[in-house]
Amino acid sequence: MHRLSTAIILSSVAIAQTPKEAEISVAAKSPVTLARYVESHPTIDWKDLRSAFGLKESEHWLAPCGSDFPAAEAPCSVETASVPKPDQTILIIRGDQVSYTVEYLRYLQDSRGGWQFAGENNAYQKNSPSHYRLMQFGDKPFLVISSDHSGNGIGVQQVLEDWFDLTQKSFDPVFSVTVDGSQFRFGFGVARTTHAAYALSHATEIERIEVALNVHFDGVVGLNQEAIYLGVYERPADAKTFTLRSAYSGADRRTTISTRDFEELADPFSNLSNEKLLIYALPGLQKIATGSDPDAKAWLQRVLSFAKDTPERRALLELLRKR
C-alpha cells in the first residue's frame, strides 16, 4: 500500500503541470534557453513564466510583448548583457514602440556553469523608451535602467533611472534619480522642468553621487527662471542603498537647503507647496510684479490667490499694488 500510494502521489505531481507549463519551466532555467524560447514563440504565457520564476502576481506588472492586449501584441525580441565578477547575464525582452514595458531578467552563474534566476525589473515606457547601460562604479559593476513614469493628462512628465549594484544578491535599486521631469500646475501655481546630471566618486569607506539639478521655473506667461541645486548622496561600505546627506542651492555650496526640499524639487510627482515654490522662483516673480506685462501680472495674481499667507506672498502683492 505504501509503494502504491507513493506512485499515485508522484503521478499526480507529474500530470499537475501541463506540457506547456513544463516547457516554460525548462526554458526559464537559463538565459540562453529562455531567449530561444521567447524568440521561437509568437505568444508567451507570462503567468506561467512568472510562476516558474516564483514571482507574485502584481497589478502594476504589464507584459512587454507576446500577449493578447493591444499594447503587447507585438512579437518579442531579446537581448543579453553579460557581466563578469560576479558572472551573470541580464536578459532583456522587448516589444515594439507602443509596448508599455520592457522586461529585465537577471541570472547569476555558479562555479559549475549553472544558472540561478536572481530577480526582475519591469520598466515602463510611455512617452520615451526604456534604455539600459552597464557601468563601473569603482570596482563594482552597475546596471542602470531608465523608465518613463509620466502621468497621462495630469501635467507630469518623468524619466527615472534606477541603479542596480550587480555585486549584491538582490536585484533592487540602490539609487534612483529623475533625470528629466516636469510638473505643470495649470495656472494654479509655479511650474517647473528639471534635468539632472551627476558625478561619481569613491574612497575605501564611502561611495558618493553628486546630483546637479537644473530647474527651470515657468508659468502660463511671463516666468522664465533658471536655478541650480546640488544633492550629495552617500553610501558607506557596509550599506546597501545611497542616502541623500546634504543639499545646496547653487553649485558653490554656500547656501544649504533641506534634503526634503531637494527631493521634492527633483520629483515631479511631489506635492511641493505653492508657498515653497514662491521662495524658489522669487527673483522671476519679482520681475513680473515690477514689469509692464498685464497678462503676466494677471497670472501672478491668480497664483498668489492659491497660496497661503507668507512673507514672499505679501511682498509680491505689495509690488503688484505699487504698479
Protein backbone atom coordinates (compact mmCIF):
# COMPACT_ATOMS: atom_id res chain seq x y z
CA MET A 1 0.00 0.00 0.00
CA HIS A 2 2.83 2.37 0.81
CA ARG A 3 4.52 1.93 -2.58
CA LEU A 4 1.22 2.27 -4.41
CA SER A 5 0.37 5.48 -2.52
CA THR A 6 3.78 6.92 -3.30
CA ALA A 7 3.39 6.13 -7.00
CA ILE A 8 -0.03 7.79 -7.09
CA ILE A 9 1.34 10.92 -5.43
CA LEU A 10 4.28 11.15 -7.87
CA SER A 11 1.98 10.62 -10.85
CA SER A 12 -0.30 13.39 -9.61
CA VAL A 13 2.63 15.80 -9.37
CA ALA A 14 3.76 14.90 -12.89
CA ILE A 15 0.36 15.49 -14.51
CA ALA A 16 -0.39 18.61 -12.46
CA GLN A 17 1.93 20.54 -14.73
CA THR A 18 0.74 20.79 -18.33
CA PRO A 19 3.21 20.21 -21.22
CA LYS A 20 3.10 23.95 -21.92
CA GLU A 21 3.92 24.82 -18.32
CA ALA A 22 6.68 22.21 -18.25
CA GLU A 23 8.22 23.65 -21.43
CA ILE A 24 8.25 27.15 -19.95
CA SER A 25 9.70 25.87 -16.67
CA VAL A 26 12.56 24.18 -18.52
CA ALA A 27 13.17 27.24 -20.70
CA ALA A 28 13.31 29.52 -17.66
CA LYS A 29 16.27 27.65 -16.16
CA SER A 30 18.85 29.71 -18.06
CA PRO A 31 19.01 32.97 -20.02
CA VAL A 32 20.11 31.07 -23.15
CA THR A 33 17.18 28.63 -23.19
CA LEU A 34 14.69 31.35 -22.28
CA ALA A 35 15.97 33.62 -25.05
CA ARG A 36 15.50 30.79 -27.56
CA TYR A 37 12.01 30.07 -26.23
CA VAL A 38 10.93 33.72 -26.42
CA GLU A 39 12.26 34.18 -29.95
CA SER A 40 10.60 30.99 -31.22
CA HIS A 41 7.12 31.59 -29.74
CA PRO A 42 4.77 34.29 -31.08
CA THR A 43 2.88 34.34 -27.77
CA ILE A 44 4.15 33.88 -24.23
CA ASP A 45 2.16 32.65 -21.27
CA TRP A 46 3.56 35.26 -18.94
CA LYS A 47 1.59 33.98 -15.96
CA ASP A 48 3.26 30.57 -16.26
CA LEU A 49 6.66 32.14 -16.85
CA ARG A 50 6.39 34.36 -13.80
CA SER A 51 5.20 31.35 -11.80
CA ALA A 52 8.29 29.41 -12.93
CA PHE A 53 10.41 32.24 -11.50
CA GLY A 54 8.44 32.29 -8.27
CA LEU A 55 7.24 35.85 -8.90
CA LYS A 56 3.99 37.02 -7.35
CA GLU A 57 1.16 38.49 -9.37
CA SER A 58 1.04 42.28 -9.39
CA GLU A 59 -1.49 44.74 -10.77
CA HIS A 60 1.39 47.04 -11.69
CA TRP A 61 3.18 44.46 -13.85
CA LEU A 62 2.49 44.63 -17.61
CA ALA A 63 3.58 42.22 -20.33
CA PRO A 64 6.02 43.81 -22.79
CA CYS A 65 5.09 41.66 -25.81
CA GLY A 66 3.76 38.30 -26.97
CA SER A 67 0.46 38.83 -25.19
CA ASP A 68 -3.21 39.36 -26.09
CA PHE A 69 -3.86 43.05 -25.38
CA PRO A 70 -3.20 45.87 -27.91
CA ALA A 71 -0.03 47.39 -26.44
CA ALA A 72 1.60 43.96 -26.00
CA GLU A 73 0.61 42.12 -29.20
CA ALA A 74 3.98 42.68 -30.90
CA PRO A 75 6.40 39.74 -31.19
CA CYS A 76 9.13 39.69 -28.57
CA SER A 77 12.77 40.41 -29.25
CA VAL A 78 15.58 39.60 -26.83
CA GLU A 79 18.98 40.98 -25.95
CA THR A 80 21.52 39.82 -23.40
CA ALA A 81 24.11 41.74 -21.40
CA SER A 82 26.87 39.73 -19.70
CA VAL A 83 28.79 40.83 -16.62
CA PRO A 84 31.86 39.14 -15.09
CA LYS A 85 32.79 39.19 -11.42
CA PRO A 86 30.27 38.02 -10.39
CA ASP A 87 29.35 36.13 -13.56
CA GLN A 88 25.82 36.98 -14.60
CA THR A 89 23.58 37.76 -17.54
CA ILE A 90 20.77 40.25 -17.91
CA LEU A 91 18.10 39.10 -20.38
CA ILE A 92 16.12 41.99 -21.89
CA ILE A 93 12.75 41.25 -23.50
CA ARG A 94 11.15 43.98 -25.64
CA GLY A 95 8.12 44.50 -27.81
CA ASP A 96 7.78 47.42 -30.22
CA GLN A 97 7.50 51.20 -29.89
CA VAL A 98 3.95 51.08 -28.47
CA SER A 99 4.70 48.48 -25.78
CA TYR A 100 4.09 49.70 -22.25
CA THR A 101 7.10 47.99 -20.68
CA VAL A 102 10.46 46.29 -21.12
CA GLU A 103 11.27 43.22 -19.01
CA TYR A 104 14.73 42.84 -17.45
CA LEU A 105 15.58 39.40 -16.01
CA ARG A 106 18.77 38.72 -14.04
CA TYR A 107 20.58 35.35 -13.88
CA LEU A 108 23.62 34.54 -11.74
CA GLN A 109 26.04 31.81 -12.83
CA ASP A 110 27.60 29.45 -10.29
CA SER A 111 31.09 27.92 -10.32
CA ARG A 112 29.80 24.87 -12.20
CA GLY A 113 28.28 26.91 -15.01
CA GLY A 114 24.70 26.53 -13.78
CA TRP A 115 22.23 29.40 -13.70
CA GLN A 116 20.05 30.80 -10.96
CA PHE A 117 17.28 33.32 -11.52
CA ALA A 118 18.08 36.41 -9.42
CA GLY A 119 15.36 38.98 -9.97
CA GLU A 120 13.41 41.05 -12.48
CA ASN A 121 12.56 44.66 -13.28
CA ASN A 122 9.54 45.70 -15.34
CA ALA A 123 10.40 49.14 -16.75
CA TYR A 124 7.63 51.42 -18.01
CA GLN A 125 7.89 53.25 -21.31
CA LYS A 126 5.22 55.82 -22.03
CA ASN A 127 6.49 58.92 -23.82
CA SER A 128 10.02 57.54 -24.15
CA PRO A 129 11.51 54.04 -24.44
CA SER A 130 13.33 52.23 -21.66
CA HIS A 131 17.10 52.10 -22.07
CA TYR A 132 19.84 50.43 -20.07
CA ARG A 133 23.57 50.69 -19.71
CA LEU A 134 26.31 48.92 -17.78
CA MET A 135 28.88 50.98 -15.94
CA GLN A 136 31.66 50.64 -13.40
CA PHE A 137 31.42 52.44 -10.08
CA GLY A 138 34.87 51.95 -8.63
CA ASP A 139 35.45 48.21 -8.95
CA LYS A 140 31.72 47.35 -8.93
CA PRO A 141 29.53 46.70 -11.97
CA PHE A 142 26.24 48.61 -12.04
CA LEU A 143 23.19 48.25 -14.27
CA VAL A 144 21.26 51.48 -14.95
CA ILE A 145 17.68 51.13 -16.24
CA SER A 146 15.57 54.07 -17.39
CA SER A 147 11.78 54.08 -17.28
CA ASP A 148 9.11 56.63 -18.17
CA HIS A 149 6.53 57.18 -15.42
CA SER A 150 4.84 60.21 -16.96
CA GLY A 151 1.22 60.76 -15.98
CA ASN A 152 -1.35 60.88 -18.73
CA GLY A 153 -3.49 64.01 -18.54
CA ILE A 154 -2.09 65.29 -15.22
CA GLY A 155 0.71 67.54 -16.47
CA VAL A 156 3.56 65.45 -15.03
CA GLN A 157 6.47 64.04 -17.03
CA GLN A 158 9.17 61.83 -15.51
CA VAL A 159 12.07 59.79 -16.85
CA LEU A 160 13.53 57.85 -13.94
CA GLU A 161 16.83 55.99 -13.68
CA ASP A 162 17.19 53.06 -11.30
CA TRP A 163 20.71 51.90 -10.44
CA PHE A 164 21.39 48.27 -9.52
CA ASP A 165 24.59 47.17 -7.79
CA LEU A 166 25.37 43.87 -9.54
CA THR A 167 27.65 42.68 -6.74
CA GLN A 168 24.60 42.33 -4.49
CA LYS A 169 22.46 39.19 -4.39
CA SER A 170 19.17 41.09 -4.51
CA PHE A 171 18.02 42.85 -7.68
CA ASP A 172 16.68 46.05 -6.11
CA PRO A 173 17.65 49.64 -6.93
CA VAL A 174 20.29 51.11 -4.65
CA PHE A 175 19.84 54.61 -6.09
CA SER A 176 17.12 56.30 -8.15
CA VAL A 177 17.11 59.70 -9.83
CA THR A 178 14.72 61.62 -12.08
CA VAL A 179 16.94 62.62 -14.99
CA ASP A 180 14.19 64.56 -16.78
CA GLY A 181 10.91 65.73 -15.30
CA SER A 182 8.29 68.44 -15.37
CA GLN A 183 5.21 69.46 -13.43
CA PHE A 184 2.65 71.87 -14.90
CA ARG A 185 0.19 73.42 -12.44
CA PHE A 186 -2.38 74.72 -14.96
CA GLY A 187 -2.25 78.33 -13.79
CA PHE A 188 -2.69 77.48 -10.11
CA GLY A 189 1.00 77.61 -9.20
CA VAL A 190 4.58 77.84 -10.41
CA ALA A 191 5.50 75.09 -12.87
CA ARG A 192 8.96 73.56 -13.20
CA THR A 193 11.06 71.48 -15.56
CA THR A 194 14.10 69.59 -14.28
CA HIS A 195 17.18 67.89 -15.67
CA ALA A 196 19.73 66.05 -13.56
CA ALA A 197 23.40 65.32 -14.19
CA TYR A 198 25.72 63.58 -11.77
CA ALA A 199 29.32 62.93 -10.83
CA LEU A 200 30.63 59.79 -9.09
CA SER A 201 33.45 59.40 -6.60
CA HIS A 202 34.55 56.65 -4.25
CA ALA A 203 37.01 56.02 -1.47
CA THR A 204 37.77 52.99 0.67
CA GLU A 205 34.93 53.53 3.11
CA ILE A 206 32.36 55.57 1.17
CA GLU A 207 30.82 55.98 -2.28
CA ARG A 208 29.36 59.32 -3.35
CA ILE A 209 26.98 60.51 -6.07
CA GLU A 210 26.63 64.28 -6.55
CA VAL A 211 23.48 65.23 -8.44
CA ALA A 212 23.37 68.65 -10.13
CA LEU A 213 19.71 69.52 -10.61
CA ASN A 214 18.92 72.18 -13.20
CA VAL A 215 15.43 73.61 -12.59
CA HIS A 216 13.55 75.88 -14.96
CA PHE A 217 10.67 77.64 -13.22
CA ASP A 218 7.91 78.85 -15.52
CA GLY A 219 4.21 79.57 -15.68
CA VAL A 220 1.42 80.21 -18.15
CA VAL A 221 3.04 83.50 -19.11
CA GLY A 222 5.96 85.69 -18.05
CA LEU A 223 8.05 83.49 -15.75
CA ASN A 224 11.37 82.23 -17.07
CA GLN A 225 13.93 81.48 -14.36
CA GLU A 226 16.82 79.02 -14.18
CA ALA A 227 18.30 77.67 -10.94
CA ILE A 228 20.84 75.03 -9.94
CA TYR A 229 20.62 72.78 -6.88
CA LEU A 230 23.09 70.18 -5.67
CA GLY A 231 22.32 66.97 -3.81
CA VAL A 232 25.03 64.76 -2.28
CA TYR A 233 24.19 61.06 -1.89
CA GLU A 234 26.49 58.72 0.01
CA ARG A 235 26.76 55.03 0.79
CA PRO A 236 29.11 53.64 3.45
CA ALA A 237 30.91 50.40 2.64
CA ASP A 238 28.53 48.33 4.78
CA ALA A 239 25.27 49.89 3.45
CA LYS A 240 23.00 48.69 0.66
CA THR A 241 21.49 51.92 -0.66
CA PHE A 242 22.58 55.52 -1.17
CA THR A 243 21.14 58.22 1.11
CA LEU A 244 20.82 61.95 0.44
CA ARG A 245 23.13 63.51 3.05
CA SER A 246 23.18 67.21 2.12
CA ALA A 247 21.69 69.64 -0.39
CA TYR A 248 22.54 73.14 -1.61
CA SER A 249 21.05 76.00 -3.58
CA GLY A 250 23.69 76.90 -6.15
CA ALA A 251 26.72 74.97 -7.32
CA ASP A 252 29.03 76.92 -4.99
CA ARG A 253 27.58 75.10 -1.93
CA ARG A 254 27.31 78.31 0.09
CA THR A 255 23.58 78.04 0.77
CA THR A 256 22.14 74.85 2.20
CA ILE A 257 18.56 73.66 1.73
CA SER A 258 16.81 70.78 3.42
CA THR A 259 17.24 67.35 1.89
CA ARG A 260 13.44 67.07 1.79
CA ASP A 261 13.17 70.24 -0.31
CA PHE A 262 15.78 68.91 -2.73
CA GLU A 263 13.92 65.61 -3.10
CA GLU A 264 10.63 67.43 -3.64
CA LEU A 265 12.15 69.73 -6.25
CA ALA A 266 13.62 66.75 -8.09
CA ASP A 267 10.44 64.64 -8.00
CA PRO A 268 7.75 65.95 -10.40
CA PHE A 269 5.12 63.88 -8.58
CA SER A 270 5.87 65.51 -5.22
CA ASN A 271 3.40 67.82 -3.51
CA LEU A 272 5.86 70.69 -3.30
CA SER A 273 3.78 73.53 -1.85
CA ASN A 274 2.98 76.74 -3.70
CA GLU A 275 4.50 78.63 -0.78
CA LYS A 276 7.89 76.97 -1.22
CA LEU A 277 7.77 77.49 -4.97
CA LEU A 278 7.23 81.21 -4.35
CA ILE A 279 10.51 81.20 -2.41
CA TYR A 280 12.50 79.33 -5.07
CA ALA A 281 11.08 81.31 -8.01
CA LEU A 282 11.03 84.66 -6.18
CA PRO A 283 13.52 86.55 -8.42
CA GLY A 284 11.49 85.73 -11.54
CA LEU A 285 8.19 86.51 -9.81
CA GLN A 286 9.52 89.87 -8.60
CA LYS A 287 10.47 90.69 -12.18
CA ILE A 288 6.88 90.03 -13.26
CA ALA A 289 5.43 92.08 -10.39
CA THR A 290 7.59 95.11 -11.25
CA GLY A 291 7.22 94.70 -15.01
CA SER A 292 4.69 96.01 -17.52
CA ASP A 293 3.16 92.79 -18.92
CA PRO A 294 -0.52 92.79 -17.87
CA ASP A 295 -1.04 89.13 -18.78
CA ALA A 296 1.94 88.04 -16.67
CA LYS A 297 0.70 90.14 -13.76
CA ALA A 298 -2.78 88.66 -14.02
CA TRP A 299 -1.24 85.16 -13.95
CA LEU A 300 0.86 86.05 -10.88
CA GLN A 301 -2.18 87.50 -9.10
CA ARG A 302 -4.04 84.24 -9.72
CA VAL A 303 -1.13 82.13 -8.44
CA LEU A 304 -0.92 84.21 -5.26
CA SER A 305 -4.63 83.69 -4.66
CA PHE A 306 -3.94 79.97 -4.29
CA ALA A 307 -1.04 80.45 -1.85
CA LYS A 308 -1.19 80.78 1.92
CA ASP A 309 -0.06 83.95 3.66
CA THR A 310 3.75 84.10 3.72
CA PRO A 311 6.34 86.92 3.65
CA GLU A 312 7.01 86.19 -0.03
CA ARG A 313 3.31 86.33 -0.94
CA ARG A 314 2.85 89.63 0.93
CA ALA A 315 5.92 91.14 -0.73
CA LEU A 316 4.73 90.18 -4.20
CA LEU A 317 1.23 91.51 -3.57
CA GLU A 318 2.73 94.79 -2.39
CA LEU A 319 4.81 95.07 -5.57
CA LEU A 320 1.73 94.39 -7.69
CA ARG A 321 -0.23 97.14 -5.88
CA LYS A 322 2.55 99.69 -6.43
CA ARG A 323 2.41 99.12 -10.17
